[in-house]
Amino acid sequence: MLNEFKYALKYYEYSESIYPNSSLVLYHKANLLFQMGNNDKSKEILLKLIDKNHKEAPLYILLGRIYKSQNNDKKALTQFQLASSLDQSKDIIIKNLINSLERRDDSIDI
């Protein structure tokens, strides 16, 4: 499976060379990097997109998942709440992510 991820990453990098400002290409590249375990690079891409004023819920959901995987539950919760405020249609997904944080740590205040 890792070879498939590496192959896909090459295509995203090629796409990025053609469309360097495409938020869609960059988001999918960040998602792939997250799946490959490269959280730092994935987070870097997402934070750049957010800094460029891209305010889509999936960016914040993925960033929250990265923070969750790093056991930074408070930052994860903040990202999930931001995503929820941006896109109500994703509330079920976001609530499930928040619940997974609560199951892991009962001290989180929502």
C-alpha atoms as a PDB file:
ATOM      1  CA  MET A   1       0.000   0.000   0.000  1.00  0.00           C
ATOM      2  CA  LEU A   2       2.899   2.364   0.715  1.00  0.00           C
ATOM      3  CA  ASN A   3       3.991   2.108  -2.921  1.00  0.00           C
ATOM      4  CA  GLU A   4       0.492   3.169  -3.997  1.00  0.00           C
ATOM      5  CA  PHE A   5       0.683   6.162  -1.663  1.00  0.00           C
ATOM      6  CA  LYS A   6       4.095   7.123  -3.045  1.00  0.00           C
ATOM      7  CA  TYR A   7       2.763   6.794  -6.584  1.00  0.00           C
ATOM      8  CA  ALA A   8      -0.245   8.971  -5.743  1.00  0.00           C
ATOM      9  CA  LEU A   9       2.015  11.524  -4.046  1.00  0.00           C
ATOM     10  CA  LYS A  10       4.030  11.875  -7.258  1.00  0.00           C
ATOM     11  CA  TYR A  11       0.815  12.690  -9.130  1.00  0.00           C
ATOM     12  CA  TYR A  12      -0.190  15.294  -6.540  1.00  0.00           C
ATOM     13  CA  GLU A  13       3.264  16.854  -6.719  1.00  0.00           C
ATOM     14  CA  TYR A  14       3.014  16.929 -10.512  1.00  0.00           C
ATOM     15  CA  SER A  15      -0.460  18.483 -10.289  1.00  0.00           C
ATOM     16  CA  GLU A  16       0.853  21.002  -7.796  1.00  0.00           C
ATOM     17  CA  SER A  17       3.613  22.003 -10.240  1.00  0.00           C
ATOM     18  CA  ILE A  18       0.927  22.799 -12.827  1.00  0.00           C
ATOM     19  CA  TYR A  19      -1.614  24.307 -10.404  1.00  0.00           C
ATOM     20  CA  PRO A  20       0.451  25.606  -7.461  1.00  0.00           C
ATOM     21  CA  ASN A  21      -2.432  27.611  -5.996  1.00  0.00           C
ATOM     22  CA  SER A  22      -5.091  24.928  -6.283  1.00  0.00           C
ATOM     23  CA  SER A  23      -6.592  24.443  -2.837  1.00  0.00           C
ATOM     24  CA  LEU A  24      -8.140  21.171  -4.002  1.00  0.00           C
ATOM     25  CA  VAL A  25      -4.803  19.680  -5.084  1.00  0.00           C
ATOM     26  CA  LEU A  26      -3.098  20.884  -1.909  1.00  0.00           C
ATOM     27  CA  TYR A  27      -5.874  19.558   0.339  1.00  0.00           C
ATOM     28  CA  HIS A  28      -5.730  16.113  -1.255  1.00  0.00           C
ATOM     29  CA  LYS A  29      -1.946  16.109  -1.027  1.00  0.00           C
ATOM     30  CA  ALA A  30      -2.201  16.985   2.688  1.00  0.00           C
ATOM     31  CA  ASN A  31      -4.749  14.213   3.197  1.00  0.00           C
ATOM     32  CA  LEU A  32      -2.480  11.695   1.474  1.00  0.00           C
ATOM     33  CA  LEU A  33       0.515  12.811   3.542  1.00  0.00           C
ATOM     34  CA  PHE A  34      -1.578  12.366   6.695  1.00  0.00           C
ATOM     35  CA  GLN A  35      -2.493   8.840   5.614  1.00  0.00           C
ATOM     36  CA  MET A  36       1.204   8.164   5.016  1.00  0.00           C
ATOM     37  CA  GLY A  37       2.005   9.340   8.553  1.00  0.00           C
ATOM     38  CA  ASN A  38       3.700  12.576   7.524  1.00  0.00           C
ATOM     39  CA  ASN A  39       1.701  14.746   9.909  1.00  0.00           C
ATOM     40  CA  ASP A  40       4.121  17.664   9.984  1.00  0.00           C
ATOM     41  CA  LYS A  41       4.131  18.205   6.219  1.00  0.00           C
ATOM     42  CA  SER A  42       0.369  17.691   6.058  1.00  0.00           C
ATOM     43  CA  LYS A  43      -0.184  20.234   8.838  1.00  0.00           C
ATOM     44  CA  GLU A  44       2.162  22.695   7.120  1.00  0.00           C
ATOM     45  CA  ILE A  45       0.118  22.540   3.901  1.00  0.00           C
ATOM     46  CA  LEU A  46      -3.188  22.927   5.748  1.00  0.00           C
ATOM     47  CA  LEU A  47      -1.966  25.902   7.774  1.00  0.00           C
ATOM     48  CA  LYS A  48      -0.767  27.605   4.579  1.00  0.00           C
ATOM     49  CA  LEU A  49      -4.176  27.083   2.988  1.00  0.00           C
ATOM     50  CA  ILE A  50      -5.901  28.491   6.059  1.00  0.00           C
ATOM     51  CA  ASP A  51      -3.489  31.455   6.099  1.00  0.00           C
ATOM     52  CA  LYS A  52      -4.469  32.143   2.473  1.00  0.00           C
ATOM     53  CA  ASN A  53      -8.040  32.527   3.749  1.00  0.00           C
ATOM     54  CA  HIS A  54      -9.359  29.162   2.603  1.00  0.00           C
ATOM     55  CA  LYS A  55     -12.079  28.504   5.153  1.00  0.00           C
ATOM     56  CA  GLU A  56     -13.546  25.126   4.246  1.00  0.00           C
ATOM     57  CA  ALA A  57     -14.621  22.619   6.894  1.00  0.00           C
ATOM     58  CA  PRO A  58     -12.595  19.694   5.461  1.00  0.00           C
ATOM     59  CA  LEU A  59      -9.360  21.636   6.088  1.00  0.00           C
ATOM     60  CA  TYR A  60     -10.223  22.009   9.757  1.00  0.00           C
ATOM     61  CA  ILE A  61     -11.441  18.426  10.066  1.00  0.00           C
ATOM     62  CA  LEU A  62      -8.163  17.085   8.677  1.00  0.00           C
ATOM     63  CA  LEU A  63      -6.150  19.444  10.869  1.00  0.00           C
ATOM     64  CA  GLY A  64      -8.161  18.233  13.852  1.00  0.00           C
ATOM     65  CA  ARG A  65      -7.448  14.625  12.918  1.00  0.00           C
ATOM     66  CA  ILE A  66      -3.735  15.433  12.779  1.00  0.00           C
ATOM     67  CA  TYR A  67      -3.840  17.030  16.233  1.00  0.00           C
ATOM     68  CA  LYS A  68      -5.835  14.050  17.523  1.00  0.00           C
ATOM     69  CA  SER A  69      -3.223  11.628  16.177  1.00  0.00           C
ATOM     70  CA  GLN A  70      -0.595  13.674  18.019  1.00  0.00           C
ATOM     71  CA  ASN A  71      -2.642  13.419  21.252  1.00  0.00           C
ATOM     72  CA  ASN A  72      -3.244  17.163  21.232  1.00  0.00           C
ATOM     73  CA  ASP A  73      -6.931  16.840  22.026  1.00  0.00           C
ATOM     74  CA  LYS A  74      -7.561  20.481  22.902  1.00  0.00           C
ATOM     75  CA  LYS A  75      -6.257  21.705  19.524  1.00  0.00           C
ATOM     76  CA  ALA A  76      -8.161  18.899  17.802  1.00  0.00           C
ATOM     77  CA  LEU A  77     -11.370  19.957  19.532  1.00  0.00           C
ATOM     78  CA  THR A  78     -10.837  23.579  18.474  1.00  0.00           C
ATOM     79  CA  GLN A  79     -10.408  22.525  14.837  1.00  0.00           C
ATOM     80  CA  PHE A  80     -13.500  20.304  14.914  1.00  0.00           C
ATOM     81  CA  GLN A  81     -15.552  23.140  16.390  1.00  0.00           C
ATOM     82  CA  LEU A  82     -14.310  25.530  13.692  1.00  0.00           C
ATOM     83  CA  ALA A  83     -15.269  22.997  11.032  1.00  0.00           C
ATOM     84  CA  SER A  84     -18.720  22.652  12.551  1.00  0.00           C
ATOM     85  CA  SER A  85     -19.237  26.418  12.497  1.00  0.00           C
ATOM     86  CA  LEU A  86     -18.312  26.511   8.799  1.00  0.00           C
ATOM     87  CA  ASP A  87     -20.407  23.600   7.540  1.00  0.00           C
ATOM     88  CA  GLN A  88     -23.458  22.380   9.431  1.00  0.00           C
ATOM     89  CA  SER A  89     -23.920  19.498   6.978  1.00  0.00           C
ATOM     90  CA  LYS A  90     -20.833  17.804   8.407  1.00  0.00           C
ATOM     91  CA  ASP A  91     -22.090  17.952  12.007  1.00  0.00           C
ATOM     92  CA  ILE A  92     -22.569  14.185  12.316  1.00  0.00           C
ATOM     93  CA  ILE A  93     -18.988  13.510  11.239  1.00  0.00           C
ATOM     94  CA  ILE A  94     -17.667  16.244  13.505  1.00  0.00           C
ATOM     95  CA  LYS A  95     -19.724  15.063  16.478  1.00  0.00           C
ATOM     96  CA  ASN A  96     -18.323  11.558  16.010  1.00  0.00           C
ATOM     97  CA  LEU A  97     -14.790  12.971  15.988  1.00  0.00           C
ATOM     98  CA  ILE A  98     -15.486  14.997  19.123  1.00  0.00           C
ATOM     99  CA  ASN A  99     -17.002  11.930  20.796  1.00  0.00           C
ATOM    100  CA  SER A 100     -13.855   9.969  20.008  1.00  0.00           C
ATOM    101  CA  LEU A 101     -11.890  12.641  21.883  1.00  0.00           C
ATOM    102  CA  GLU A 102     -14.264  12.482  24.836  1.00  0.00           C
ATOM    103  CA  ARG A 103     -13.941   8.690  25.056  1.00  0.00           C
ATOM    104  CA  ARG A 104     -10.197   9.089  25.179  1.00  0.00           C
ATOM    105  CA  ASP A 105     -10.172  11.884  27.758  1.00  0.00           C
ATOM    106  CA  ASP A 106     -13.095  12.693  30.023  1.00  0.00           C
ATOM    107  CA  SER A 107     -11.488  15.988  31.094  1.00  0.00           C
ATOM    108  CA  ILE A 108     -12.250  17.784  27.815  1.00  0.00           C
ATOM    109  CA  ASP A 109     -14.856  20.518  28.183  1.00  0.00           C
ATOM    110  CA  ILE A 110     -17.093  21.059  25.184  1.00  0.00           C
END
